Protein backbone atom coordinates (compact mmCIF):
# COMPACT_ATOMS: atom_id res chain seq x y z
CA TYR A 1 24.24 -9.77 -29.01
CA ASP A 2 21.00 -10.96 -27.42
CA GLY A 3 19.65 -14.26 -28.89
CA SER A 4 16.49 -16.09 -27.94
CA HIS A 5 14.04 -18.71 -29.42
CA SER A 6 10.62 -17.59 -30.74
CA TRP A 7 7.46 -19.61 -30.17
CA ASP A 8 7.62 -21.13 -33.68
CA GLY A 9 11.04 -22.57 -32.96
CA SER A 10 12.96 -20.07 -35.12
CA LEU A 11 15.98 -18.17 -33.75
CA SER A 12 15.59 -14.44 -33.35
CA GLY A 13 18.22 -12.05 -32.10
CA SER A 14 19.25 -8.46 -31.62
CA TYR A 15 22.51 -6.48 -31.41
CA THR A 16 23.14 -3.53 -29.16
CA ALA A 17 25.76 -1.21 -30.60
CA ASP A 18 28.45 0.08 -28.26
CA VAL A 19 27.56 3.64 -29.07
CA TRP A 20 29.49 5.24 -26.29
CA GLY A 21 32.43 2.87 -26.37
CA GLU A 22 31.66 1.64 -22.88
CA ALA A 23 32.58 -1.92 -23.57
CA GLU A 24 35.89 -0.97 -25.18
CA ALA A 25 36.71 1.37 -22.29
CA GLU A 26 36.02 -1.32 -19.76
CA LYS A 27 38.12 -3.74 -21.74
CA GLN A 28 41.06 -1.32 -21.76
CA ALA A 29 40.60 -0.57 -18.10
CA GLN A 30 40.80 -4.25 -17.32
CA VAL A 31 43.91 -4.73 -19.49
CA LEU A 32 45.60 -1.80 -17.71
CA SER A 33 44.59 -3.10 -14.33
CA LEU A 34 46.19 -6.47 -15.22
CA GLU A 35 49.37 -4.71 -16.37
CA ALA A 36 49.36 -2.77 -13.06
CA ALA A 37 49.03 -6.03 -11.14
CA ASN A 38 52.01 -7.41 -13.05
CA GLN A 39 53.99 -4.34 -11.99
CA ASP A 40 52.93 -4.95 -8.39
CA LEU A 41 54.49 -8.38 -8.77
CA SER A 42 57.63 -6.78 -10.09
CA VAL A 43 57.65 -4.52 -6.96
CA SER A 44 57.51 -7.56 -4.69
CA THR A 45 60.26 -9.26 -6.69
CA LEU A 46 62.36 -6.07 -6.41
CA GLU A 47 61.92 -5.98 -2.68
CA LEU A 48 62.73 -9.63 -2.27
CA THR A 49 65.88 -9.30 -4.37
CA ALA A 50 67.03 -6.33 -2.25
CA ASP A 51 66.29 -8.15 1.08
CA ILE A 52 68.32 -11.15 -0.09
CA ALA A 53 71.22 -9.02 -1.18
CA GLU A 54 71.29 -7.06 2.03
CA THR A 55 71.05 -10.23 4.15
CA TRP A 56 73.92 -11.73 2.14
CA ILE A 57 76.03 -8.61 2.89
CA ASP A 58 75.16 -8.75 6.57
CA ILE A 59 76.27 -12.41 6.77
CA ILE A 60 79.65 -11.67 5.14
CA SER A 61 80.04 -8.69 7.51
CA ALA A 62 79.23 -10.85 10.57
CA ARG A 63 81.73 -13.48 9.54
CA ASN A 64 84.46 -10.90 8.91
CA LYS A 65 83.84 -9.47 12.34
CA LYS A 66 84.19 -12.92 13.78
CA ILE A 67 87.53 -13.40 12.07
CA ILE A 68 88.78 -10.07 13.38
CA LEU A 69 87.45 -10.90 16.87
CA GLU A 70 89.11 -14.28 16.96
CA ASN A 71 92.43 -12.60 15.98
CA GLN A 72 91.90 -9.98 18.74
CA ILE A 73 91.24 -12.72 21.27
CA ASN A 74 94.42 -14.51 20.36
CA ILE A 75 96.36 -11.30 20.73
CA ASN A 76 94.76 -10.67 24.12
CA LYS A 77 95.68 -14.19 25.24
CA THR A 78 99.28 -13.63 24.17
CA LEU A 79 99.39 -10.30 25.94
CA LEU A 80 98.03 -11.98 29.10
CA GLU A 81 100.77 -14.55 28.98
CA LEU A 82 103.40 -11.87 28.50
CA GLN A 83 102.01 -9.91 31.44
CA LYS A 84 102.09 -13.05 33.64
CA LEU A 85 105.71 -13.56 32.63
CA ARG A 86 106.60 -9.96 33.34
CA PHE A 87 104.82 -10.23 36.74
CA ALA A 88 106.78 -13.33 37.56
CA ASN A 89 110.02 -11.46 36.79
CA GLY A 90 108.97 -8.41 38.78
CA LYS A 91 108.55 -6.17 35.70
CA ALA A 92 104.74 -5.87 36.08
CA ASN A 93 102.37 -5.69 38.94
CA ALA A 94 99.23 -7.63 39.67
CA LEU A 95 97.01 -4.85 38.47
CA ASP A 96 98.61 -5.07 34.98
CA VAL A 97 97.76 -8.77 34.85
CA SER A 98 94.20 -8.17 36.12
CA GLN A 99 93.60 -5.46 33.55
CA GLN A 100 94.73 -7.69 30.77
CA ARG A 101 92.41 -10.47 32.02
CA GLU A 102 89.60 -7.96 31.88
CA ALA A 103 90.43 -6.98 28.35
CA LEU A 104 90.47 -10.65 27.27
CA ALA A 105 87.10 -11.35 28.99
CA GLU A 106 85.46 -8.25 27.36
CA THR A 107 86.64 -9.28 23.88
CA SER A 108 85.65 -12.90 24.36
CA SER A 109 82.14 -11.87 25.45
CA GLN A 110 81.42 -10.55 21.92
CA VAL A 111 81.73 -14.02 20.35
CA PRO A 112 78.24 -15.30 21.30
CA LEU A 113 76.60 -12.15 20.03
CA LEU A 114 78.24 -12.44 16.61
CA GLU A 115 77.40 -16.20 16.45
CA LYS A 116 73.73 -15.33 17.30
CA GLN A 117 73.67 -12.61 14.64
CA GLU A 118 75.13 -14.97 12.02
CA ARG A 119 72.65 -17.72 12.78
CA ILE A 120 69.64 -15.37 12.68
CA LEU A 121 70.82 -13.95 9.39
CA LEU A 122 71.23 -17.43 7.92
CA ASN A 123 67.72 -18.30 9.07
CA SER A 124 66.47 -15.11 7.41
CA LEU A 125 68.26 -15.88 4.16
CA ALA A 126 66.83 -19.41 4.14
CA PHE A 127 63.31 -17.97 4.62
CA LEU A 128 63.88 -15.38 1.86
CA SER A 129 65.11 -18.17 -0.40
CA GLY A 130 61.90 -20.17 0.15
CA THR A 131 63.26 -22.90 2.44
CA THR A 132 63.19 -23.60 6.11
CA GLU A 133 66.31 -25.77 6.07
CA ILE A 134 69.27 -23.59 6.99
CA GLY A 135 71.76 -26.21 5.79
CA LEU A 136 70.60 -25.75 2.27
CA VAL A 137 71.73 -22.11 2.29
CA GLN A 138 75.39 -21.65 1.52
CA VAL A 139 77.31 -18.37 1.69
CA ASN A 140 80.81 -18.96 0.46
CA THR A 141 81.86 -15.34 -0.21
CA LYS A 142 84.48 -14.26 2.32
CA ILE A 143 85.07 -10.61 1.48
CA LEU A 144 82.70 -7.75 0.90
CA PRO A 145 82.33 -6.79 -2.80
CA GLU A 146 83.79 -3.66 -4.21
CA THR A 147 81.52 -0.86 -5.44
CA ILE A 148 82.05 1.44 -8.41
CA PRO A 149 82.04 5.17 -7.54
CA LEU A 150 78.89 6.99 -8.62
CA ALA A 151 78.88 9.98 -10.90
CA SER A 152 78.89 13.28 -8.94
CA VAL A 153 76.87 15.50 -11.30
CA GLY A 154 73.46 13.90 -10.62
CA ILE A 155 71.01 11.33 -11.79
CA PRO A 156 68.24 12.35 -14.32
CA SER A 157 64.83 11.99 -12.82
CA ASP A 158 63.51 10.12 -15.91
CA LEU A 159 65.35 7.04 -14.63
CA LEU A 160 62.48 6.76 -12.09
CA GLU A 161 60.46 5.56 -14.99
CA ASN A 162 62.17 2.17 -14.44
CA ARG A 163 60.41 1.76 -11.13
CA PRO A 164 57.56 -0.75 -11.30
CA ASP A 165 55.54 1.04 -8.65
CA ILE A 166 55.55 4.20 -10.77
CA GLN A 167 54.57 2.16 -13.82
CA ALA A 168 51.75 0.49 -11.88
CA ALA A 169 50.45 3.88 -10.58
CA ARG A 170 50.42 5.36 -14.09
CA MET A 171 48.57 2.31 -15.43
CA ARG A 172 45.94 2.62 -12.73
CA LEU A 173 45.65 6.29 -13.59
CA SER A 174 44.90 5.35 -17.20
CA SER A 175 42.62 2.49 -16.10
CA ALA A 176 40.51 5.10 -14.18
CA GLN A 177 39.18 6.17 -17.63
CA TRP A 178 41.52 9.13 -18.07
CA THR A 179 43.10 9.47 -21.48
CA ILE A 180 46.83 10.43 -21.05
CA ALA A 181 47.36 12.92 -23.86
CA ALA A 182 50.66 14.24 -22.48
CA ALA A 183 53.96 13.00 -23.86
CA LYS A 184 55.66 10.26 -21.90
CA ALA A 185 58.45 12.59 -20.75
CA ASP A 186 55.83 14.95 -19.31
CA LEU A 187 54.53 12.27 -16.88
CA LEU A 188 57.58 12.75 -14.67
CA PRO A 189 58.99 16.05 -13.42
CA SER A 190 62.34 16.87 -15.01
CA PHE A 191 65.40 17.63 -12.78
CA LYS A 192 68.61 16.18 -11.51
CA LEU A 193 68.64 14.02 -8.41
CA THR A 194 71.71 14.87 -6.33
CA ALA A 195 72.79 14.73 -2.74
CA GLN A 196 71.72 18.33 -2.19
CA ALA A 197 68.54 17.29 -0.46
CA LEU A 198 65.73 18.56 -2.78
CA PHE A 199 63.11 17.56 -0.25
CA SER A 200 64.53 19.78 2.47
CA SER A 201 65.37 22.65 0.14
CA GLY A 202 61.74 23.86 -0.19
CA LYS A 203 61.88 23.62 -3.99
CA LEU A 204 59.99 20.31 -4.18
CA ASP A 205 56.67 21.80 -3.13
CA LEU A 206 56.66 24.35 -5.91
CA LEU A 207 57.96 21.83 -8.43
CA PHE A 208 55.20 19.39 -7.60
CA GLN A 209 52.48 21.99 -7.57
CA ASN A 210 53.46 23.11 -11.10
CA TRP A 211 53.95 19.50 -12.30
CA ILE A 212 50.59 18.29 -10.98
CA ALA A 213 48.82 21.35 -12.44
CA THR A 214 50.45 20.65 -15.81
CA LEU A 215 49.60 17.00 -15.58
CA VAL A 216 45.95 17.66 -14.81
CA GLY A 217 45.76 20.15 -17.68
CA SER A 218 47.21 17.62 -20.16
CA ILE A 219 44.83 14.82 -19.19
CA ALA A 220 42.05 14.98 -21.64
CA GLY A 221 38.95 12.94 -22.40
CA PRO A 222 35.93 13.68 -20.22
CA ILE A 223 34.02 10.68 -18.99
CA PHE A 224 30.83 10.22 -21.03
CA ASP A 225 27.96 8.74 -19.04
CA GLY A 226 26.40 6.79 -21.99
CA GLY A 227 23.11 7.03 -20.19
CA LEU A 228 24.55 6.18 -16.75
CA ARG A 229 23.47 8.08 -13.71
CA ASN A 230 25.14 11.41 -13.03
CA ALA A 231 26.24 10.23 -9.58
CA GLU A 232 28.17 7.34 -11.11
CA VAL A 233 29.95 9.81 -13.46
CA LYS A 234 30.95 11.94 -10.52
CA ARG A 235 32.23 8.84 -8.68
CA ALA A 236 34.34 7.82 -11.68
CA LYS A 237 35.84 11.27 -11.98
CA ALA A 238 36.55 11.39 -8.23
CA PHE A 239 38.29 7.97 -8.46
CA ALA A 240 40.34 9.20 -11.42
CA LEU A 241 41.51 12.25 -9.47
CA GLU A 242 42.35 9.93 -6.53
CA GLN A 243 44.56 7.89 -8.90
CA LEU A 244 46.17 11.01 -10.12
CA ASN A 245 47.05 11.99 -6.51
CA PHE A 246 48.33 8.48 -5.83
CA TYR A 247 50.56 8.62 -8.91
CA ALA A 248 52.00 12.00 -7.80
CA ARG A 249 52.61 10.62 -4.29
CA THR A 250 54.33 7.57 -5.71
CA VAL A 251 56.68 9.74 -7.76
CA ALA A 252 57.37 11.93 -4.76
CA LYS A 253 58.20 8.86 -2.66
CA ALA A 254 60.57 7.63 -5.42
CA ILE A 255 62.35 10.97 -5.51
CA ARG A 256 62.80 10.93 -1.71
CA GLU A 257 64.19 7.43 -1.75
CA VAL A 258 66.73 8.25 -4.45
CA GLU A 259 67.79 11.38 -2.62
CA ASP A 260 68.09 9.50 0.68
CA SER A 261 70.27 6.91 -0.94
CA LEU A 262 72.53 9.52 -2.57
CA VAL A 263 72.92 11.42 0.69
CA SER A 264 73.50 8.20 2.68
CA MET A 265 76.20 6.93 0.31
CA GLN A 266 77.94 10.31 0.31
CA LYS A 267 77.92 10.75 4.07
CA GLN A 268 78.73 7.07 4.72
CA ALA A 269 81.82 7.24 2.54
CA ALA A 270 82.97 10.35 4.47
CA TYR A 271 82.31 8.59 7.76
CA ILE A 272 84.32 5.57 6.80
CA LYS A 273 87.27 7.76 5.70
CA LEU A 274 87.27 9.51 9.13
CA LEU A 275 87.12 6.13 10.97
CA GLU A 276 90.10 4.92 8.94
CA GLU A 277 91.99 8.06 9.91
CA GLU A 278 91.00 7.60 13.48
CA LEU A 279 92.23 3.97 13.43
CA ALA A 280 95.59 5.09 11.99
CA VAL A 281 95.99 7.66 14.79
CA VAL A 282 95.07 5.11 17.52
CA ARG A 283 97.60 2.62 16.15
CA THR A 284 100.30 5.31 16.48
CA THR A 285 99.07 6.03 20.04
CA LEU A 286 99.25 2.28 20.82
CA LYS A 287 102.91 2.14 19.87
CA ASP A 288 103.73 5.25 21.91
CA ALA A 289 101.82 3.90 24.85
CA MET A 290 103.78 0.60 24.72
CA VAL A 291 107.12 2.46 24.66
CA GLN A 292 106.03 4.63 27.56
CA TYR A 293 104.85 1.58 29.55
CA LEU A 294 108.04 -0.45 28.99
CA ASN A 295 110.09 2.61 30.04
CA GLY A 296 108.06 2.94 33.19
CA LYS A 297 106.69 6.39 32.28
CA SER A 298 102.96 5.33 32.04
CA SER A 299 100.60 2.62 33.33
CA TYR A 300 99.47 -0.44 31.40
CA LEU A 301 95.97 1.04 31.38
CA SER A 302 97.06 3.69 28.77
CA TYR A 303 98.08 0.86 26.50
CA LEU A 304 94.85 -1.09 27.03
CA ILE A 305 92.72 1.96 26.30
CA ALA A 306 94.40 2.43 22.95
CA TRP A 307 94.29 -1.30 22.24
CA SER A 308 90.51 -1.40 23.12
CA SER A 309 89.90 1.48 20.71
CA ILE A 310 91.69 -0.46 17.92
CA GLU A 311 89.59 -3.54 18.63
CA ARG A 312 86.37 -1.48 18.43
CA LEU A 313 87.36 0.38 15.29
CA GLU A 314 88.42 -2.70 13.37
CA ARG A 315 85.11 -4.38 13.95
CA GLN A 316 83.14 -1.16 13.39
CA LEU A 317 84.78 -0.54 10.08
CA VAL A 318 83.60 -3.90 8.76
CA GLY A 319 80.01 -3.07 9.59
CA GLU A 320 80.27 0.44 8.11
CA ARG A 321 81.80 -0.90 4.86
CA ALA A 322 78.89 -3.32 4.71
CA ASN A 323 76.46 -0.50 5.29
CA ILE A 324 77.72 1.51 2.33
CA ILE A 325 77.20 -1.57 0.12
CA LYS A 326 73.69 -1.88 1.43
CA ASP A 327 73.21 1.81 0.68
CA ARG A 328 74.21 1.10 -2.91
CA ILE A 329 71.67 -1.82 -3.01
CA GLY A 330 69.01 0.63 -1.76
CA PHE A 331 70.04 3.17 -4.45
CA HIS A 332 69.61 0.67 -7.27
CA ARG A 333 66.33 -0.50 -5.72
CA ALA A 334 65.13 3.18 -5.72
CA LEU A 335 65.93 3.41 -9.44
CA GLY A 336 64.21 0.12 -10.26
CA TRP A 337 67.36 -1.94 -10.55
CA LYS A 338 68.26 -0.45 -13.92
CA SER A 339 71.85 0.43 -14.60
CA THR A 340 72.64 4.13 -14.16
CA PRO A 341 74.69 6.06 -16.68
CA GLN A 342 78.19 7.13 -15.66
CA LEU A 343 77.66 10.85 -16.27
CA LYS A 344 80.60 13.17 -16.79
């Protein structure tokens, strides 16, 4: 509406009809852009939540390692006193005592590193929580949480719809003046996400070529210029195609992240199982080495080597168990934090 005063003081006006629907299209584009910005905020919230959760897991892991380390130091101190007593009674030599001192010193040297790690993690958690006062951040959990086993048959790709970055990319695609005529289910490629590495199998390229071609073909609604310059129409179309490519790239990235998480959890669980088996074997070796040493059939060094392996494995297992929980956090982040069905 264009209103103005005439020379005689009366009010005259005119109304320009939105023949080409340009005003409505711009309105819808702005609404979709706003919704996309809200999804961007959800992405940031998602990332912050994951960072806090992972830092929390790392703090628990560091504290558990400290507890194990303190116990190992106490055992090494006891062994040192026993070796001193055996040396005084002529049942051990000076080398045995020196080797045990070295073992104690090596274990004790790990304490400052774990204390540094814990302090830095607490600082990080305070920062992520929006405060600079570390004393306000309390982590009272003492053990790592248990995880529920995942279904083995796969995750449907339509769960990626939960991801705010995919939603934002799709809204920007619509905002670029394309009319999405395809059904909602057709906006994502359909397949099962498993730990079989779809990205490295060579199937993904063909899948995406076909999917993108189908998506382009199902996007209708040419951009009418409504009297605008032809160059501006070409620019708008080019921008819309750019948003389409960005949307496809966002979906590809989401698929890769889910695949990476599935593979990581699978292999991490297998690695932990092997470490546990290794620890059981070394504990048996430790007992045999002690018997051999007390019977004078081997040196004290054989016992210390086995004991050092146990110390290393006990602390390593804490970190690896924490890593598999962080992998699970990454998996839920890759699916947009929505619960996944327990498929059978």
